[in-house]
Amino acid sequence: MAKDYYATLGVRREASQDEIKKAYRRLARELHPDVNPDPATQERFKEINAAYEVLSDPQKRQMHDMGGDPFGGAGGGAGGFGAGFPFSDIMDAFFGTASAARGPRSRARRGRNATIRVELDLAESGFGTTRELVVDTAILCEVCQGSGAAAGTHPDTCDMCHGRGEVSQVTRSFLGQVMTSRPCPQCGGFGSVIRHPCQECSGDGRVRTRRTIKVRIPAGVEDGTHIQLAGEGEVGPGGGPPGDLFLEIVERPHPTFERRGDDLHCTVQIPMTAAALGTSLTMETLDGAEQIDVRPGTQSGQVIPLYARGVQRLNETGRGDLLIHVSVETPMKLDVEQEELLRKLSQLRGEERPPGKFAPGQQGFFSRLKDAFNGR
């Protein structure tokens, strides 16, 4: 059965060229492969292109109304190709070019993506935040609504290609007469010419402006994370669908904490006497003031963990840990009284001439961490 191209575009059989063009433009925006990459949608996109190619051409439309095949060519003799033979269909069969790709190109094209950098503090990236961002971008021209034509006018059908977007040329070759097609040089393949461009957008269908958008930064992002905001990029030429906006997260350094994934690390320096006798410290964490207990006999390099005091895990429940690395300070200068006290302590502990403990190599960070949790 012959296809009903009027039903494909959703227009009446007596629809004007203007109505057909508007219906095609609306469907092309919805079904363009850049917007809907689904294979079924791409097949539908080919169908509306074929329907528009027929209904925008008076001769093909008349043939369709009479029940004929608008894409059927005039046959030649059995020994060669006739002057109207659809040679491009043979090329399609061999090289896979789709016949629906022929015809006028849409002026509406997808807009470009944009990327902006967003600087965050550690607490903002760790727990999430809301930001208002000022974006310089292209938006739809409100005067012409993306058509590019001045108010009260519309693009005219190209008088060179008669709206087909391509011109054909018959050449003679060893195969006989061969018809080839190329984009129309007058309309650039669009099938129409804007003779009176919109003064607001100069015929581009969009204007540049500065707008403010409110975005939610999820908890757990870190330096280098990219967040995609679909459809928040630039509107395309001809009122085409907008691209996407990408946020690149830049995390500012924190004066106390170093972030490693979801965990936070810091170093606390305590005097030798505090490490030997034990002490209690007050520390400002991301959750507020915390009391830190340093056990007697704490060694330099030992780690004190505060569980679930790190940052929120991205797209997951739970938090990382805060790991406090202890650095024990040995006094470099002693007065007479301090030196006497230390010598007396050394005598009491039998450490005047300690034998020392030698081990191969140098103990690394992870070895010290393991020893700390094992209580060595």
Protein backbone atom coordinates (compact mmCIF):
# COMPACT_ATOMS: atom_id res chain seq x y z
CA MET A 1 0.00 0.00 0.00
CA ALA A 2 1.19 3.54 -0.79
CA LYS A 3 2.29 5.61 2.16
CA ASP A 4 0.11 8.49 3.34
CA TYR A 5 2.65 11.29 3.70
CA TYR A 6 -0.04 13.68 4.95
CA ALA A 7 -0.63 11.39 7.93
CA THR A 8 3.12 11.08 8.47
CA LEU A 9 3.40 14.87 8.98
CA GLY A 10 -0.01 15.12 10.65
CA VAL A 11 -1.50 17.65 8.20
CA ARG A 12 -4.69 17.86 6.09
CA ARG A 13 -4.58 16.85 2.43
CA GLU A 14 -5.42 20.44 1.46
CA ALA A 15 -2.70 21.88 3.76
CA SER A 16 -0.73 24.84 2.43
CA GLN A 17 3.05 24.80 1.94
CA ASP A 18 3.37 26.95 5.04
CA GLU A 19 1.43 24.44 7.17
CA ILE A 20 3.47 21.55 5.80
CA LYS A 21 6.72 23.38 6.55
CA LYS A 22 5.67 24.20 10.12
CA ALA A 23 4.60 20.61 10.80
CA TYR A 24 7.88 19.28 9.42
CA ARG A 25 9.97 21.74 11.43
CA ARG A 26 8.16 20.82 14.66
CA LEU A 27 8.64 17.09 14.12
CA ALA A 28 12.26 17.50 13.00
CA ARG A 29 13.12 19.23 16.28
CA GLU A 30 11.52 16.45 18.32
CA LEU A 31 12.93 13.54 16.34
CA HIS A 32 16.37 14.79 15.35
CA PRO A 33 19.04 12.08 16.01
CA ASP A 34 21.04 14.50 18.18
CA VAL A 35 18.04 14.78 20.50
CA ASN A 36 16.65 11.23 20.26
CA PRO A 37 19.34 8.68 19.32
CA ASP A 38 16.89 5.78 19.68
CA PRO A 39 16.89 3.63 16.45
CA ALA A 40 13.08 3.68 16.26
CA THR A 41 13.09 7.46 16.50
CA GLN A 42 15.74 7.69 13.77
CA GLU A 43 13.52 5.59 11.48
CA ARG A 44 10.63 7.97 12.18
CA PHE A 45 12.94 10.92 11.42
CA LYS A 46 13.68 9.41 8.01
CA GLU A 47 9.96 9.00 7.35
CA ILE A 48 9.15 12.66 8.02
CA ASN A 49 12.05 13.75 5.80
CA ALA A 50 10.71 11.59 2.98
CA ALA A 51 7.19 12.96 3.54
CA TYR A 52 8.42 16.54 3.46
CA GLU A 53 10.45 15.90 0.31
CA VAL A 54 7.27 14.75 -1.44
CA LEU A 55 4.77 17.28 -0.11
CA SER A 56 7.08 20.30 -0.55
CA ASP A 57 7.60 19.48 -4.24
CA PRO A 58 4.44 20.31 -6.31
CA GLN A 59 5.14 17.62 -8.92
CA LYS A 60 5.85 14.87 -6.38
CA ARG A 61 2.85 15.94 -4.31
CA GLN A 62 0.56 15.73 -7.35
CA MET A 63 1.91 12.26 -8.16
CA HIS A 64 1.32 11.19 -4.54
CA ASP A 65 -2.26 12.55 -4.63
CA MET A 66 -2.90 10.52 -7.78
CA GLY A 67 -1.70 7.32 -6.07
CA GLY A 68 1.63 7.11 -7.88
CA ASP A 69 5.15 6.63 -6.50
CA PRO A 70 6.83 10.06 -6.17
CA PHE A 71 10.26 8.41 -5.93
CA GLY A 72 9.80 6.21 -9.02
CA GLY A 73 11.99 7.24 -11.98
CA ALA A 74 11.32 7.03 -15.67
CA GLY A 75 12.62 3.74 -16.99
CA GLY A 76 14.95 3.50 -19.96
CA GLY A 77 15.61 0.73 -22.46
CA ALA A 78 16.79 -2.67 -21.42
CA GLY A 79 20.30 -2.02 -22.59
CA GLY A 80 21.10 1.15 -20.65
CA PHE A 81 19.98 3.85 -18.20
CA GLY A 82 17.37 6.39 -19.17
CA ALA A 83 17.68 10.13 -18.66
CA GLY A 84 15.59 10.15 -15.47
CA PHE A 85 16.98 6.93 -13.96
CA PRO A 86 17.46 7.21 -10.18
CA PHE A 87 21.17 6.35 -10.27
CA SER A 88 21.54 7.51 -6.64
CA ASP A 89 19.35 4.58 -5.55
CA ILE A 90 21.96 2.20 -6.99
CA MET A 91 24.63 4.04 -4.99
CA ASP A 92 22.43 3.61 -1.91
CA ALA A 93 22.31 -0.14 -2.46
CA PHE A 94 26.10 -0.46 -2.77
CA PHE A 95 27.31 2.15 -0.27
CA GLY A 96 24.45 2.28 2.25
CA THR A 97 23.45 5.93 1.87
CA ALA A 98 19.85 6.41 2.93
CA SER A 99 17.43 7.87 0.43
CA ALA A 100 15.68 9.75 3.23
CA ALA A 101 18.86 11.76 3.73
CA ARG A 102 18.16 13.54 0.44
CA GLY A 103 16.06 16.66 0.44
CA PRO A 104 16.26 20.02 2.22
CA ARG A 105 18.34 20.35 5.37
CA SER A 106 16.72 21.75 8.46
CA ARG A 107 17.95 25.15 9.58
CA ALA A 108 17.52 24.01 13.16
CA ARG A 109 20.71 22.44 14.50
CA ARG A 110 21.64 21.38 18.00
CA GLY A 111 23.43 23.98 20.10
CA ARG A 112 26.93 23.63 21.48
CA ASN A 113 27.79 22.32 24.92
CA ALA A 114 29.31 24.72 27.44
CA THR A 115 31.58 24.20 30.47
CA ILE A 116 32.02 26.49 33.47
CA ARG A 117 34.27 26.08 36.52
CA VAL A 118 32.70 26.15 39.99
CA GLU A 119 34.98 26.67 43.00
CA LEU A 120 33.85 25.05 46.26
CA ASP A 121 35.10 24.87 49.83
CA LEU A 122 35.73 21.45 51.35
CA ALA A 123 32.50 21.58 53.34
CA GLU A 124 30.49 22.54 50.23
CA SER A 125 31.90 19.72 48.12
CA GLY A 126 31.69 17.23 50.98
CA PHE A 127 28.11 17.92 52.04
CA GLY A 128 26.59 19.51 48.91
CA THR A 129 25.35 23.04 48.30
CA THR A 130 23.16 25.19 46.06
CA ARG A 131 24.69 27.80 43.77
CA GLU A 132 23.33 30.52 41.52
CA LEU A 133 25.46 30.66 38.38
CA VAL A 134 25.58 33.45 35.83
CA VAL A 135 25.88 32.01 32.32
CA ASP A 136 26.56 33.86 29.06
CA THR A 137 24.75 31.84 26.43
CA ALA A 138 22.54 31.88 23.31
CA ILE A 139 18.77 31.68 23.73
CA LEU A 140 15.84 31.49 21.32
CA CYS A 141 15.05 34.79 19.58
CA GLU A 142 11.66 35.87 20.91
CA VAL A 143 10.95 38.06 17.87
CA CYS A 144 11.16 35.39 15.15
CA GLN A 145 10.87 32.28 17.42
CA GLY A 146 13.91 30.75 15.75
CA SER A 147 12.80 31.08 12.12
CA GLY A 148 15.34 33.81 11.37
CA ALA A 149 12.80 35.79 9.30
CA ALA A 150 11.61 39.30 10.14
CA ALA A 151 8.22 39.75 11.80
CA GLY A 152 5.37 39.29 9.33
CA THR A 153 7.56 37.42 6.83
CA HIS A 154 8.71 33.86 6.35
CA PRO A 155 11.49 32.11 4.42
CA ASP A 156 10.70 31.87 0.71
CA THR A 157 10.98 28.67 -1.29
CA CYS A 158 14.26 28.68 -3.20
CA ASP A 159 13.56 29.38 -6.87
CA MET A 160 16.63 27.44 -7.98
CA CYS A 161 15.93 24.06 -6.35
CA HIS A 162 12.17 24.69 -5.79
CA GLY A 163 12.43 23.72 -2.15
CA ARG A 164 14.25 20.41 -2.65
CA GLY A 165 17.54 21.68 -1.21
CA GLU A 166 19.51 20.07 -4.01
CA VAL A 167 19.98 20.47 -7.75
CA SER A 168 20.38 17.64 -10.22
CA GLN A 169 22.62 17.38 -13.23
CA VAL A 170 22.56 14.81 -16.02
CA THR A 171 25.94 13.72 -17.35
CA ARG A 172 26.93 11.12 -19.91
CA SER A 173 29.25 8.29 -18.94
CA PHE A 174 30.09 4.78 -20.07
CA LEU A 175 26.91 3.71 -18.24
CA GLY A 176 24.82 6.06 -20.29
CA GLN A 177 23.13 9.17 -18.90
CA VAL A 178 23.65 9.49 -15.13
CA MET A 179 21.82 11.92 -12.83
CA THR A 180 23.83 13.32 -9.91
CA SER A 181 22.64 15.64 -7.14
CA ARG A 182 24.42 18.22 -5.00
CA PRO A 183 23.31 20.82 -2.42
CA CYS A 184 21.71 23.88 -3.93
CA PRO A 185 24.31 26.69 -4.10
CA GLN A 186 21.68 29.39 -3.69
CA CYS A 187 19.98 28.22 -0.47
CA GLY A 188 22.83 26.10 0.91
CA GLY A 189 20.69 22.97 0.91
CA PHE A 190 17.93 24.40 3.13
CA GLY A 191 15.33 24.59 0.36
CA SER A 192 14.36 28.12 1.38
CA VAL A 193 15.89 31.59 1.38
CA ILE A 194 15.48 34.22 4.10
CA ARG A 195 15.07 37.40 2.09
CA HIS A 196 14.13 39.55 5.09
CA PRO A 197 16.26 38.50 8.10
CA CYS A 198 15.07 39.23 11.62
CA GLN A 199 16.72 42.43 12.83
CA GLU A 200 16.98 41.14 16.38
CA CYS A 201 19.05 38.02 15.60
CA SER A 202 20.26 38.83 12.05
CA GLY A 203 18.60 35.67 10.76
CA ASP A 204 20.36 33.26 13.15
CA GLY A 205 17.23 32.45 15.14
CA ARG A 206 18.94 33.08 18.49
CA VAL A 207 20.43 35.93 20.51
CA ARG A 208 23.11 36.06 23.19
CA THR A 209 22.20 36.99 26.72
CA ARG A 210 23.25 36.57 30.34
CA ARG A 211 21.02 34.46 32.56
CA THR A 212 21.13 33.11 36.10
CA ILE A 213 20.45 29.46 36.86
CA LYS A 214 20.13 27.77 40.25
CA VAL A 215 21.92 24.42 40.49
CA ARG A 216 22.18 21.83 43.22
CA ILE A 217 25.69 20.46 43.80
CA PRO A 218 25.40 16.91 45.18
CA ALA A 219 27.30 15.88 48.31
CA GLY A 220 30.58 14.04 47.74
CA VAL A 221 31.85 15.75 44.60
CA GLU A 222 35.59 16.37 44.48
CA ASP A 223 38.17 18.28 42.52
CA GLY A 224 37.79 17.47 38.80
CA THR A 225 34.22 16.12 39.01
CA HIS A 226 32.02 17.04 36.02
CA ILE A 227 28.26 17.55 36.47
CA GLN A 228 26.06 17.46 33.36
CA LEU A 229 23.00 19.72 33.16
CA ALA A 230 21.05 18.48 30.14
CA GLY A 231 19.53 21.18 27.93
CA GLU A 232 21.14 24.10 29.80
CA GLY A 233 23.70 24.87 27.06
CA GLU A 234 23.34 27.11 24.01
CA VAL A 235 20.25 27.04 21.83
CA GLY A 236 21.21 25.89 18.33
CA PRO A 237 21.03 27.94 15.10
CA GLY A 238 17.56 28.18 13.64
CA GLY A 239 16.02 27.62 17.07
CA GLY A 240 17.50 24.12 17.31
CA PRO A 241 17.55 22.16 20.60
CA PRO A 242 20.02 23.40 23.23
CA GLY A 243 23.25 21.65 24.11
CA ASP A 244 24.27 20.65 27.62
CA LEU A 245 26.01 22.62 30.36
CA PHE A 246 28.87 20.93 32.24
CA LEU A 247 30.06 22.10 35.65
CA GLU A 248 33.71 21.40 36.43
CA ILE A 249 34.27 21.27 40.18
CA VAL A 250 37.38 22.95 41.59
CA GLU A 251 37.93 22.24 45.31
CA ARG A 252 39.82 24.90 47.24
CA PRO A 253 42.62 23.67 49.57
CA HIS A 254 41.66 23.44 53.26
CA PRO A 255 44.02 24.90 55.88
CA THR A 256 43.79 21.81 58.12
CA PHE A 257 42.52 18.80 56.20
CA GLU A 258 43.81 16.95 53.17
CA ARG A 259 41.19 15.00 51.28
CA ARG A 260 41.91 11.52 49.91
CA GLY A 261 38.73 10.16 48.37
CA ASP A 262 36.05 10.19 51.06
CA ASP A 263 38.57 10.32 53.95
CA LEU A 264 40.16 13.39 55.52
CA HIS A 265 43.70 13.45 56.88
CA CYS A 266 45.45 15.90 59.20
CA THR A 267 48.53 15.98 61.44
CA VAL A 268 48.64 17.06 65.07
CA GLN A 269 51.93 17.87 66.81
CA ILE A 270 52.19 17.14 70.53
CA PRO A 271 55.16 17.46 72.90
CA MET A 272 57.06 14.40 74.07
CA THR A 273 55.67 14.63 77.61
CA ALA A 274 52.06 14.71 76.36
CA ALA A 275 52.70 11.65 74.21
CA ALA A 276 54.17 9.80 77.17
CA LEU A 277 51.57 10.81 79.77
CA GLY A 278 48.54 11.16 77.47
CA THR A 279 46.43 14.24 76.99
CA SER A 280 43.16 15.57 75.66
CA LEU A 281 42.85 17.96 72.69
CA THR A 282 39.99 20.02 71.25
CA MET A 283 39.84 19.99 67.46
CA GLU A 284 37.58 21.81 64.98
CA THR A 285 36.20 19.29 62.46
CA LEU A 286 33.69 19.81 59.64
CA ASP A 287 30.99 18.86 62.16
CA GLY A 288 32.17 21.24 64.87
CA ALA A 289 34.44 20.91 67.92
CA GLU A 290 35.52 17.35 68.82
CA GLN A 291 37.38 16.09 71.92
CA ILE A 292 40.46 14.02 70.95
CA ASP A 293 41.92 11.63 73.54
CA VAL A 294 45.65 10.92 73.15
CA ARG A 295 46.49 7.74 75.05
CA PRO A 296 49.62 7.51 77.21
CA GLY A 297 52.56 6.13 75.29
CA THR A 298 51.38 7.39 71.90
CA GLN A 299 54.15 7.13 69.32
CA SER A 300 55.04 9.50 66.51
CA GLY A 301 53.31 8.37 63.33
CA GLN A 302 50.42 6.75 65.16
CA VAL A 303 46.94 7.43 63.74
CA ILE A 304 43.86 8.37 65.74
CA PRO A 305 40.70 7.63 63.71
CA LEU A 306 37.42 9.50 63.99
CA TYR A 307 34.94 7.31 62.16
CA ALA A 308 32.27 8.86 59.91
CA ARG A 309 33.81 12.33 60.24
CA GLY A 310 34.97 12.49 56.60
CA VAL A 311 32.93 13.64 53.59
CA GLN A 312 29.70 12.19 52.25
CA ARG A 313 30.12 9.40 49.70
CA LEU A 314 28.94 10.51 46.24
CA ASN A 315 25.62 8.91 45.29
CA GLU A 316 25.90 6.54 48.27
CA THR A 317 25.02 6.45 51.95
CA GLY A 318 27.61 6.90 54.68
CA ARG A 319 30.71 9.02 55.10
CA GLY A 320 34.43 8.56 55.11
CA ASP A 321 36.68 8.86 58.19
CA LEU A 322 38.88 11.55 59.68
CA LEU A 323 42.40 10.21 60.32
CA ILE A 324 44.61 12.21 62.69
CA HIS A 325 48.33 11.52 62.32
CA VAL A 326 50.32 12.16 65.51
CA SER A 327 53.72 13.81 65.33
CA VAL A 328 55.69 13.75 68.62
CA GLU A 329 58.02 16.72 69.09
CA THR A 330 61.37 16.15 70.79
CA PRO A 331 62.73 19.29 72.52
CA MET A 332 65.87 20.66 70.89
CA LYS A 333 66.87 23.06 73.68
CA LEU A 334 66.74 22.34 77.43
CA ASP A 335 67.62 24.50 80.38
CA VAL A 336 69.68 23.12 83.29
CA GLU A 337 66.71 22.08 85.42
CA GLN A 338 64.94 20.35 82.49
CA GLU A 339 68.11 18.49 81.54
CA GLU A 340 68.59 17.28 85.15
CA LEU A 341 65.00 16.02 85.26
CA LEU A 342 65.40 14.13 81.99
CA ARG A 343 68.70 12.59 83.11
CA LYS A 344 67.07 11.47 86.34
CA LEU A 345 64.18 9.96 84.36
CA SER A 346 66.67 8.22 82.11
CA GLN A 347 68.44 6.72 85.15
CA LEU A 348 65.15 5.59 86.67
CA ARG A 349 64.16 3.88 83.38
CA GLY A 350 67.62 2.41 82.79
CA GLU A 351 67.92 4.20 79.49
CA GLU A 352 71.25 5.98 79.94
CA ARG A 353 72.77 3.83 77.23
CA PRO A 354 69.83 2.31 75.30
CA PRO A 355 70.79 -0.54 72.98
CA GLY A 356 68.51 0.74 70.23
CA LYS A 357 66.35 -1.34 67.91
CA PHE A 358 67.58 -1.67 64.35
CA ALA A 359 65.39 -2.83 61.47
CA PRO A 360 66.04 -3.13 57.72
CA GLY A 361 65.02 -0.10 55.66
CA GLN A 362 62.78 2.70 56.83
CA GLN A 363 59.31 2.11 58.16
CA GLY A 364 56.79 3.59 55.75
CA PHE A 365 53.49 5.29 56.36
CA PHE A 366 51.32 2.20 55.84
CA SER A 367 53.55 0.09 58.11
CA ARG A 368 53.26 2.69 60.87
CA LEU A 369 49.51 2.80 60.30
CA LYS A 370 49.29 -0.99 60.63
CA ASP A 371 51.40 -0.94 63.82
CA ALA A 372 49.22 1.79 65.28
CA PHE A 373 46.02 -0.22 64.86
CA ASN A 374 47.74 -3.38 66.17
CA GLY A 375 48.78 -1.49 69.31
CA ARG A 376 52.54 -1.90 68.81
